């Protein structure tokens, strides 16, 4: 039987991590499993916030109103021109976003963890008006997904660190 170098190294690394008590955050019995269905996310208001909340609930599990933890957020986006032709036409934009989040114990009102995530995506503005609008909406959706994923990861990691 032939073993690749990468396979042998991966097996050794996995064994070493298991021996030191490492548990994958999203693995069975990991900190993400402990949060599943226990975090209610702030209600969305805007279209991008609906995407944000749906993704957070997908990653953290959907909880009812009686959940022991509440995830609140402040979400802001912006847009900046990043490619301008000599004729002063903008051909590319960045969509920027910041998500400030806080995890609160619903029984005591105490903030148990908080953080901020930032990212950006880009889109081209060289097509028709409709194509440019579709590209902007797609870039915004990608940005929101990135911010939600980073937030979910931070919530899991900071909650695990607080144990």
Protein backbone atom coordinates (compact mmCIF):
# COMPACT_ATOMS: atom_id res chain seq x y z
CA UNK A 1 0.00 0.00 0.00
CA UNK A 2 1.37 3.39 -0.99
CA UNK A 3 1.03 6.33 1.40
CA UNK A 4 1.47 9.88 0.25
CA UNK A 5 3.65 12.21 2.25
CA UNK A 6 0.71 14.59 2.73
CA UNK A 7 -1.51 11.76 4.02
CA UNK A 8 1.09 10.59 6.53
CA UNK A 9 1.71 14.15 7.77
CA UNK A 10 -2.02 14.79 8.08
CA UNK A 11 -2.51 11.62 10.09
CA UNK A 12 0.39 12.48 12.40
CA UNK A 13 -0.88 16.04 12.89
CA UNK A 14 -4.40 14.80 13.65
CA UNK A 15 -3.03 12.32 16.17
CA UNK A 16 -0.88 14.95 17.85
CA UNK A 17 -3.79 17.39 18.10
CA UNK A 18 -6.08 14.72 19.52
CA UNK A 19 -3.45 13.78 22.09
CA UNK A 20 -3.23 17.35 23.38
CA UNK A 21 -7.00 17.60 23.88
CA UNK A 22 -7.79 19.57 20.71
CA UNK A 23 -11.44 19.39 19.70
CA UNK A 24 -12.55 20.85 16.37
CA UNK A 25 -14.90 23.78 16.95
CA UNK A 26 -17.49 22.40 14.55
CA UNK A 27 -16.82 18.73 15.33
CA UNK A 28 -18.99 16.47 17.50
CA UNK A 29 -18.90 17.75 21.07
CA UNK A 30 -17.16 20.98 20.03
CA UNK A 31 -18.13 24.48 21.19
CA UNK A 32 -20.32 25.07 18.13
CA UNK A 33 -22.49 22.10 19.11
CA UNK A 34 -22.92 23.61 22.57
CA UNK A 35 -24.30 26.82 21.00
CA UNK A 36 -26.61 25.11 18.51
CA UNK A 37 -30.15 26.38 18.99
CA UNK A 38 -29.22 28.47 22.05
CA UNK A 39 -28.63 31.84 20.37
CA UNK A 40 -31.41 34.06 19.13
CA UNK A 41 -30.30 36.63 16.56
CA UNK A 42 -31.56 40.21 16.46
CA UNK A 43 -34.45 40.65 14.01
CA UNK A 44 -33.45 41.97 10.57
CA UNK A 45 -34.74 45.23 9.11
CA UNK A 46 -33.05 45.63 5.72
CA UNK A 47 -32.58 43.18 2.85
CA UNK A 48 -28.91 42.53 3.60
CA UNK A 49 -29.77 42.00 7.28
CA UNK A 50 -32.23 39.24 6.28
CA UNK A 51 -29.38 37.48 4.49
CA UNK A 52 -27.13 38.07 7.51
CA UNK A 53 -29.61 36.65 10.02
CA UNK A 54 -30.41 33.66 7.81
CA UNK A 55 -26.72 32.82 7.50
CA UNK A 56 -26.07 33.27 11.24
CA UNK A 57 -29.02 31.01 12.04
CA UNK A 58 -27.72 28.48 9.55
CA UNK A 59 -24.31 28.47 11.25
CA UNK A 60 -25.42 28.76 14.90
CA UNK A 61 -28.80 27.06 14.73
CA UNK A 62 -32.17 28.75 14.93
CA UNK A 63 -33.38 29.41 18.47
CA UNK A 64 -36.71 30.45 19.90
CA UNK A 65 -37.48 33.57 21.88
CA UNK A 66 -36.60 31.81 25.15
CA UNK A 67 -32.98 31.18 24.12
CA UNK A 68 -30.40 31.76 26.87
CA UNK A 69 -28.20 33.91 24.59
CA UNK A 70 -28.99 36.83 22.27
CA UNK A 71 -26.79 38.01 19.42
CA UNK A 72 -27.21 41.70 18.66
CA UNK A 73 -25.42 43.54 15.91
CA UNK A 74 -24.84 46.87 14.21
CA UNK A 75 -24.31 46.45 10.50
CA UNK A 76 -22.96 49.15 8.19
CA UNK A 77 -22.00 49.06 4.54
CA UNK A 78 -20.35 51.49 2.18
CA UNK A 79 -19.17 51.72 -1.37
CA UNK A 80 -16.00 53.17 -2.84
CA UNK A 81 -14.77 53.60 -6.37
CA UNK A 82 -11.56 51.66 -6.97
CA UNK A 83 -11.02 51.79 -10.74
CA UNK A 84 -11.45 55.08 -12.59
CA UNK A 85 -10.59 55.58 -16.26
CA UNK A 86 -8.74 58.66 -17.54
CA UNK A 87 -12.15 59.88 -18.74
CA UNK A 88 -13.33 59.83 -15.07
CA UNK A 89 -15.61 56.83 -15.54
CA UNK A 90 -15.82 54.43 -12.62
CA UNK A 91 -15.42 50.83 -13.77
CA UNK A 92 -15.09 48.98 -10.45
CA UNK A 93 -16.40 49.42 -6.93
CA UNK A 94 -15.66 47.91 -3.55
CA UNK A 95 -18.56 47.22 -1.23
CA UNK A 96 -17.27 47.52 2.33
CA UNK A 97 -18.94 46.28 5.48
CA UNK A 98 -18.51 46.30 9.22
CA UNK A 99 -20.43 44.19 11.68
CA UNK A 100 -20.16 44.99 15.39
CA UNK A 101 -21.68 42.15 17.40
CA UNK A 102 -22.38 41.37 21.03
CA UNK A 103 -23.52 38.15 22.67
CA UNK A 104 -25.72 38.77 25.68
CA UNK A 105 -26.93 36.46 28.43
CA UNK A 106 -30.71 36.95 28.27
CA UNK A 107 -31.20 36.13 31.97
CA UNK A 108 -28.76 38.72 33.31
CA UNK A 109 -28.36 41.14 30.41
CA UNK A 110 -24.57 40.81 30.70
CA UNK A 111 -22.52 40.91 27.51
CA UNK A 112 -20.60 37.62 27.45
CA UNK A 113 -18.63 38.28 24.25
CA UNK A 114 -18.34 40.95 21.59
CA UNK A 115 -16.32 41.78 18.54
CA UNK A 116 -16.10 43.42 15.17
CA UNK A 117 -15.60 41.94 11.73
CA UNK A 118 -14.84 43.81 8.52
CA UNK A 119 -14.53 42.80 4.91
CA UNK A 120 -15.13 43.92 1.36
CA UNK A 121 -16.11 42.54 -2.02
CA UNK A 122 -15.88 44.10 -5.46
CA UNK A 123 -17.96 44.32 -8.59
CA UNK A 124 -17.56 45.61 -12.10
CA UNK A 125 -19.55 48.58 -13.36
CA UNK A 126 -18.74 48.18 -17.05
CA UNK A 127 -21.96 46.48 -18.15
CA UNK A 128 -25.46 47.79 -18.62
CA UNK A 129 -27.35 49.49 -15.82
CA UNK A 130 -29.19 46.27 -15.02
CA UNK A 131 -25.99 44.20 -15.09
CA UNK A 132 -24.23 46.68 -12.82
CA UNK A 133 -27.13 46.64 -10.36
CA UNK A 134 -27.16 42.83 -10.33
CA UNK A 135 -23.40 42.80 -9.78
CA UNK A 136 -23.76 45.26 -6.87
CA UNK A 137 -26.48 43.14 -5.26
CA UNK A 138 -24.39 40.00 -5.70
CA UNK A 139 -21.34 41.70 -4.17
CA UNK A 140 -23.46 42.84 -1.21
CA UNK A 141 -24.80 39.32 -0.68
CA UNK A 142 -21.27 37.88 -0.80
CA UNK A 143 -20.11 40.52 1.69
CA UNK A 144 -22.93 39.77 4.11
CA UNK A 145 -22.18 36.04 3.91
CA UNK A 146 -18.50 36.66 4.66
CA UNK A 147 -19.36 38.87 7.65
CA UNK A 148 -21.89 36.35 8.99
CA UNK A 149 -19.41 33.47 8.68
CA UNK A 150 -16.65 35.45 10.43
CA UNK A 151 -19.07 36.50 13.16
CA UNK A 152 -20.26 32.92 13.73
CA UNK A 153 -16.65 31.75 13.96
CA UNK A 154 -15.76 34.49 16.46
CA UNK A 155 -18.84 33.75 18.58
CA UNK A 156 -17.91 30.06 18.72
CA UNK A 157 -14.25 30.73 19.47
CA UNK A 158 -14.85 33.40 22.10
CA UNK A 159 -17.52 31.31 23.76
CA UNK A 160 -15.18 28.29 23.82
CA UNK A 161 -12.38 30.44 25.29
CA UNK A 162 -14.70 31.62 28.06
CA UNK A 163 -15.39 28.07 29.28
